[in-house]
Amino acid sequence: MVEIAAQQKVEILRLPNLLEMQSIDPEIELRPIELEDLLQRPAVRLHTPKIASMIESRIVMQRR
């Protein structure tokens, strides 16, 4: 379903949290869905150069 919507260029938006709304307004602001909306927490940002330096020249995963 998501793939079909993307092919048809359908934009998926979300309503504001009902508890955050001050009043019922006909001009409700719809927002694009963000990663944080799906996770229900802030996204973790990785520090890629630091991770790279930690695993450089090491076996990270070995296949048997």
PDB file of N, CA and C in Angstrom:
ATOM      1  N   MET A   1       0.821  -1.179   0.000  1.00  0.00           N
ATOM      2  CA  MET A   1       0.000   0.000   0.000  1.00  0.00           C
ATOM      3  C   MET A   1       0.878   1.260   0.000  1.00  0.00           C
ATOM      4  N   VAL A   2       1.943   1.236   0.799  1.00  0.00           N
ATOM      5  CA  VAL A   2       2.839   2.394   0.860  1.00  0.00           C
ATOM      6  C   VAL A   2       3.519   2.610  -0.485  1.00  0.00           C
ATOM      7  N   GLU A   3       3.923   1.512  -1.137  1.00  0.00           N
ATOM      8  CA  GLU A   3       4.571   1.630  -2.448  1.00  0.00           C
ATOM      9  C   GLU A   3       3.619   2.225  -3.484  1.00  0.00           C
ATOM     10  N   ILE A   4       2.368   1.797  -3.471  1.00  0.00           N
ATOM     11  CA  ILE A   4       1.376   2.328  -4.414  1.00  0.00           C
ATOM     12  C   ILE A   4       1.151   3.812  -4.152  1.00  0.00           C
ATOM     13  N   ALA A   5       1.067   4.187  -2.882  1.00  0.00           N
ATOM     14  CA  ALA A   5       0.880   5.603  -2.536  1.00  0.00           C
ATOM     15  C   ALA A   5       2.071   6.424  -3.013  1.00  0.00           C
ATOM     16  N   ALA A   6       3.280   5.881  -2.849  1.00  0.00           N
ATOM     17  CA  ALA A   6       4.481   6.601  -3.295  1.00  0.00           C
ATOM     18  C   ALA A   6       4.488   6.746  -4.814  1.00  0.00           C
ATOM     19  N   GLN A   7       4.088   5.705  -5.530  1.00  0.00           N
ATOM     20  CA  GLN A   7       4.035   5.776  -6.994  1.00  0.00           C
ATOM     21  C   GLN A   7       3.031   6.826  -7.462  1.00  0.00           C
ATOM     22  N   GLN A   8       1.940   6.952  -6.743  1.00  0.00           N
ATOM     23  CA  GLN A   8       0.905   7.917  -7.103  1.00  0.00           C
ATOM     24  C   GLN A   8       1.186   9.305  -6.525  1.00  0.00           C
ATOM     25  N   LYS A   9       2.321   9.431  -5.815  1.00  0.00           N
ATOM     26  CA  LYS A   9       2.745  10.693  -5.191  1.00  0.00           C
ATOM     27  C   LYS A   9       1.702  11.206  -4.194  1.00  0.00           C
ATOM     28  N   VAL A  10       1.147  10.262  -3.414  1.00  0.00           N
ATOM     29  CA  VAL A  10       0.208  10.606  -2.357  1.00  0.00           C
ATOM     30  C   VAL A  10       1.021  11.025  -1.132  1.00  0.00           C
ATOM     31  N   GLU A  11       0.706  12.173  -0.581  1.00  0.00           N
ATOM     32  CA  GLU A  11       1.404  12.656   0.595  1.00  0.00           C
ATOM     33  C   GLU A  11       0.644  12.213   1.845  1.00  0.00           C
ATOM     34  N   ILE A  12       1.350  11.579   2.762  1.00  0.00           N
ATOM     35  CA  ILE A  12       0.741  11.110   4.003  1.00  0.00           C
ATOM     36  C   ILE A  12       1.062  12.130   5.090  1.00  0.00           C
ATOM     37  N   LEU A  13       0.009  12.674   5.690  1.00  0.00           N
ATOM     38  CA  LEU A  13       0.164  13.702   6.713  1.00  0.00           C
ATOM     39  C   LEU A  13      -0.426  13.224   8.030  1.00  0.00           C
ATOM     40  N   ARG A  14      -0.072  13.933   9.089  1.00  0.00           N
ATOM     41  CA  ARG A  14      -0.618  13.572  10.393  1.00  0.00           C
ATOM     42  C   ARG A  14      -1.277  14.768  11.053  1.00  0.00           C
ATOM     43  N   LEU A  15      -2.248  14.484  11.874  1.00  0.00           N
ATOM     44  CA  LEU A  15      -2.924  15.515  12.664  1.00  0.00           C
ATOM     45  C   LEU A  15      -2.088  15.829  13.897  1.00  0.00           C
ATOM     46  N   PRO A  16      -2.251  17.012  14.451  1.00  0.00           N
ATOM     47  CA  PRO A  16      -1.576  17.289  15.720  1.00  0.00           C
ATOM     48  C   PRO A  16      -2.170  16.432  16.837  1.00  0.00           C
ATOM     49  N   ASN A  17      -1.413  16.266  17.900  1.00  0.00           N
ATOM     50  CA  ASN A  17      -1.874  15.537  19.061  1.00  0.00           C
ATOM     51  C   ASN A  17      -3.113  16.250  19.620  1.00  0.00           C
ATOM     52  N   LEU A  18      -4.164  15.518  19.829  1.00  0.00           N
ATOM     53  CA  LEU A  18      -5.412  16.134  20.299  1.00  0.00           C
ATOM     54  C   LEU A  18      -5.243  16.798  21.657  1.00  0.00           C
ATOM     55  N   LEU A  19      -4.349  16.279  22.497  1.00  0.00           N
ATOM     56  CA  LEU A  19      -4.117  16.883  23.806  1.00  0.00           C
ATOM     57  C   LEU A  19      -3.382  18.220  23.697  1.00  0.00           C
ATOM     58  N   GLU A  20      -2.631  18.413  22.612  1.00  0.00           N
ATOM     59  CA  GLU A  20      -1.887  19.657  22.409  1.00  0.00           C
ATOM     60  C   GLU A  20      -2.734  20.751  21.763  1.00  0.00           C
ATOM     61  N   MET A  21      -3.858  20.380  21.191  1.00  0.00           N
ATOM     62  CA  MET A  21      -4.698  21.363  20.507  1.00  0.00           C
ATOM     63  C   MET A  21      -5.406  22.231  21.541  1.00  0.00           C
ATOM     64  N   GLN A  22      -5.367  23.521  21.355  1.00  0.00           N
ATOM     65  CA  GLN A  22      -6.021  24.449  22.275  1.00  0.00           C
ATOM     66  C   GLN A  22      -7.528  24.521  22.022  1.00  0.00           C
ATOM     67  N   SER A  23      -7.915  24.441  20.763  1.00  0.00           N
ATOM     68  CA  SER A  23      -9.330  24.502  20.413  1.00  0.00           C
ATOM     69  C   SER A  23      -9.530  23.811  19.071  1.00  0.00           C
ATOM     70  N   ILE A  24     -10.772  23.543  18.743  1.00  0.00           N
ATOM     71  CA  ILE A  24     -11.094  22.964  17.444  1.00  0.00           C
ATOM     72  C   ILE A  24     -11.075  24.088  16.432  1.00  0.00           C
ATOM     73  N   ASP A  25     -10.117  24.024  15.543  1.00  0.00           N
ATOM     74  CA  ASP A  25      -9.913  25.088  14.567  1.00  0.00           C
ATOM     75  C   ASP A  25     -10.097  24.501  13.171  1.00  0.00           C
ATOM     76  N   PRO A  26     -10.883  25.138  12.304  1.00  0.00           N
ATOM     77  CA  PRO A  26     -11.043  24.615  10.947  1.00  0.00           C
ATOM     78  C   PRO A  26      -9.741  24.629  10.154  1.00  0.00           C
ATOM     79  N   GLU A  27      -8.772  25.400  10.604  1.00  0.00           N
ATOM     80  CA  GLU A  27      -7.477  25.489   9.918  1.00  0.00           C
ATOM     81  C   GLU A  27      -6.436  24.632  10.637  1.00  0.00           C
ATOM     82  N   ILE A  28      -6.765  23.379  10.907  1.00  0.00           N
ATOM     83  CA  ILE A  28      -5.844  22.471  11.599  1.00  0.00           C
ATOM     84  C   ILE A  28      -4.616  22.258  10.726  1.00  0.00           C
ATOM     85  N   GLU A  29      -3.455  22.364  11.351  1.00  0.00           N
ATOM     86  CA  GLU A  29      -2.198  22.215  10.621  1.00  0.00           C
ATOM     87  C   GLU A  29      -1.833  20.739  10.484  1.00  0.00           C
ATOM     88  N   LEU A  30      -1.821  20.242   9.265  1.00  0.00           N
ATOM     89  CA  LEU A  30      -1.400  18.876   8.985  1.00  0.00           C
ATOM     90  C   LEU A  30       0.096  18.896   8.710  1.00  0.00           C
ATOM     91  N   ARG A  31       0.803  17.911   9.263  1.00  0.00           N
ATOM     92  CA  ARG A  31       2.256  17.878   9.101  1.00  0.00           C
ATOM     93  C   ARG A  31       2.686  16.566   8.475  1.00  0.00           C
ATOM     94  N   PRO A  32       3.801  16.571   7.744  1.00  0.00           N
ATOM     95  CA  PRO A  32       4.342  15.304   7.234  1.00  0.00           C
ATOM     96  C   PRO A  32       4.742  14.406   8.408  1.00  0.00           C
ATOM     97  N   ILE A  33       4.703  13.116   8.194  1.00  0.00           N
ATOM     98  CA  ILE A  33       5.098  12.168   9.229  1.00  0.00           C
ATOM     99  C   ILE A  33       6.618  12.130   9.304  1.00  0.00           C
ATOM    100  N   GLU A  34       7.137  12.277  10.501  1.00  0.00           N
ATOM    101  CA  GLU A  34       8.575  12.251  10.748  1.00  0.00           C
ATOM    102  C   GLU A  34       8.948  10.916  11.397  1.00  0.00           C
ATOM    103  N   LEU A  35      10.220  10.560  11.317  1.00  0.00           N
ATOM    104  CA  LEU A  35      10.712   9.328  11.931  1.00  0.00           C
ATOM    105  C   LEU A  35      10.368   9.282  13.415  1.00  0.00           C
ATOM    106  N   GLU A  36      10.514  10.403  14.087  1.00  0.00           N
ATOM    107  CA  GLU A  36      10.231  10.473  15.520  1.00  0.00           C
ATOM    108  C   GLU A  36       8.766  10.160  15.824  1.00  0.00           C
ATOM    109  N   ASP A  37       7.861  10.489  14.896  1.00  0.00           N
ATOM    110  CA  ASP A  37       6.443  10.178  15.077  1.00  0.00           C
ATOM    111  C   ASP A  37       6.228   8.663  15.137  1.00  0.00           C
ATOM    112  N   LEU A  38       6.946   7.939  14.298  1.00  0.00           N
ATOM    113  CA  LEU A  38       6.802   6.489  14.262  1.00  0.00           C
ATOM    114  C   LEU A  38       7.490   5.825  15.445  1.00  0.00           C
ATOM    115  N   LEU A  39       8.640   6.364  15.848  1.00  0.00           N
ATOM    116  CA  LEU A  39       9.381   5.793  16.968  1.00  0.00           C
ATOM    117  C   LEU A  39       8.762   6.139  18.314  1.00  0.00           C
ATOM    118  N   GLN A  40       8.058   7.230  18.368  1.00  0.00           N
ATOM    119  CA  GLN A  40       7.490   7.789  19.598  1.00  0.00           C
ATOM    120  C   GLN A  40       8.597   8.130  20.596  1.00  0.00           C
ATOM    121  N   ARG A  41       9.736   8.533  20.052  1.00  0.00           N
ATOM    122  CA  ARG A  41      10.877   9.001  20.851  1.00  0.00           C
ATOM    123  C   ARG A  41      11.807   9.745  19.903  1.00  0.00           C
ATOM    124  N   PRO A  42      12.728  10.519  20.433  1.00  0.00           N
ATOM    125  CA  PRO A  42      13.697  11.189  19.547  1.00  0.00           C
ATOM    126  C   PRO A  42      14.574  10.162  18.839  1.00  0.00           C
ATOM    127  N   ALA A  43      14.921  10.435  17.604  1.00  0.00           N
ATOM    128  CA  ALA A  43      15.804   9.547  16.853  1.00  0.00           C
ATOM    129  C   ALA A  43      17.220   9.632  17.421  1.00  0.00           C
ATOM    130  N   VAL A  44      17.941   8.524  17.354  1.00  0.00           N
ATOM    131  CA  VAL A  44      19.331   8.485  17.811  1.00  0.00           C
ATOM    132  C   VAL A  44      20.216   8.851  16.621  1.00  0.00           C
ATOM    133  N   ARG A  45      21.057   9.844  16.818  1.00  0.00           N
ATOM    134  CA  ARG A  45      21.984  10.258  15.761  1.00  0.00           C
ATOM    135  C   ARG A  45      23.331   9.589  16.013  1.00  0.00           C
ATOM    136  N   LEU A  46      23.807   8.849  15.030  1.00  0.00           N
ATOM    137  CA  LEU A  46      25.078   8.144  15.168  1.00  0.00           C
ATOM    138  C   LEU A  46      26.235   9.048  14.785  1.00  0.00           C
ATOM    139  N   HIS A  47      27.332   8.922  15.508  1.00  0.00           N
ATOM    140  CA  HIS A  47      28.553   9.659  15.188  1.00  0.00           C
ATOM    141  C   HIS A  47      29.427   8.707  14.363  1.00  0.00           C
ATOM    142  N   THR A  48      29.167   8.686  13.045  1.00  0.00           N
ATOM    143  CA  THR A  48      29.784   7.712  12.151  1.00  0.00           C
ATOM    144  C   THR A  48      31.309   7.711  12.195  1.00  0.00           C
ATOM    145  N   PRO A  49      32.003   8.862  12.175  1.00  0.00           N
ATOM    146  CA  PRO A  49      33.469   8.807  12.227  1.00  0.00           C
ATOM    147  C   PRO A  49      33.997   8.130  13.493  1.00  0.00           C
ATOM    148  N   LYS A  50      33.346   8.355  14.614  1.00  0.00           N
ATOM    149  CA  LYS A  50      33.784   7.728  15.864  1.00  0.00           C
ATOM    150  C   LYS A  50      33.573   6.213  15.810  1.00  0.00           C
ATOM    151  N   ILE A  51      32.435   5.786  15.283  1.00  0.00           N
ATOM    152  CA  ILE A  51      32.163   4.349  15.143  1.00  0.00           C
ATOM    153  C   ILE A  51      33.173   3.722  14.196  1.00  0.00           C
ATOM    154  N   ALA A  52      33.457   4.403  13.090  1.00  0.00           N
ATOM    155  CA  ALA A  52      34.423   3.888  12.117  1.00  0.00           C
ATOM    156  C   ALA A  52      35.800   3.708  12.745  1.00  0.00           C
ATOM    157  N   SER A  53      36.209   4.665  13.568  1.00  0.00           N
ATOM    158  CA  SER A  53      37.526   4.558  14.204  1.00  0.00           C
ATOM    159  C   SER A  53      37.570   3.408  15.209  1.00  0.00           C
ATOM    160  N   MET A  54      36.440   3.086  15.831  1.00  0.00           N
ATOM    161  CA  MET A  54      36.398   2.001  16.805  1.00  0.00           C
ATOM    162  C   MET A  54      36.523   0.627  16.144  1.00  0.00           C
ATOM    163  N   ILE A  55      36.010   0.476  14.920  1.00  0.00           N
ATOM    164  CA  ILE A  55      35.996  -0.845  14.275  1.00  0.00           C
ATOM    165  C   ILE A  55      37.014  -0.982  13.150  1.00  0.00           C
ATOM    166  N   GLU A  56      37.767   0.063  12.901  1.00  0.00           N
ATOM    167  CA  GLU A  56      38.764   0.026  11.828  1.00  0.00           C
ATOM    168  C   GLU A  56      39.778  -1.078  12.098  1.00  0.00           C
ATOM    169  N   SER A  57      40.065  -1.873  11.081  1.00  0.00           N
ATOM    170  CA  SER A  57      41.031  -2.983  11.140  1.00  0.00           C
ATOM    171  C   SER A  57      40.606  -4.095  12.098  1.00  0.00           C
ATOM    172  N   ARG A  58      39.330  -4.245  12.350  1.00  0.00           N
ATOM    173  CA  ARG A  58      38.824  -5.302  13.217  1.00  0.00           C
ATOM    174  C   ARG A  58      37.788  -6.116  12.465  1.00  0.00           C
ATOM    175  N   ILE A  59      37.625  -7.358  12.890  1.00  0.00           N
ATOM    176  CA  ILE A  59      36.571  -8.214  12.328  1.00  0.00           C
ATOM    177  C   ILE A  59      35.285  -7.900  13.081  1.00  0.00           C
ATOM    178  N   VAL A  60      34.305  -7.395  12.362  1.00  0.00           N
ATOM    179  CA  VAL A  60      33.054  -6.999  12.985  1.00  0.00           C
ATOM    180  C   VAL A  60      32.055  -8.156  12.947  1.00  0.00           C
ATOM    181  N   MET A  61      32.005  -8.837  11.822  1.00  0.00           N
ATOM    182  CA  MET A  61      31.109  -9.983  11.688  1.00  0.00           C
ATOM    183  C   MET A  61      31.815 -11.029  10.850  1.00  0.00           C
ATOM    184  N   GLN A  62      31.847 -12.230  11.355  1.00  0.00           N
ATOM    185  CA  GLN A  62      32.523 -13.300  10.642  1.00  0.00           C
ATOM    186  C   GLN A  62      31.512 -14.360  10.299  1.00  0.00           C
ATOM    187  N   ARG A  63      31.532 -14.784   9.054  1.00  0.00           N
ATOM    188  CA  ARG A  63      30.590 -15.805   8.580  1.00  0.00           C
ATOM    189  C   ARG A  63      31.224 -17.170   8.733  1.00  0.00           C
ATOM    190  N   ARG A  64      30.478 -18.122   9.236  1.00  0.00           N
ATOM    191  CA  ARG A  64      31.006 -19.478   9.412  1.00  0.00           C
ATOM    192  C   ARG A  64      30.676 -20.349   8.252  1.00  0.00           C
TER     193      ARG A  64
END
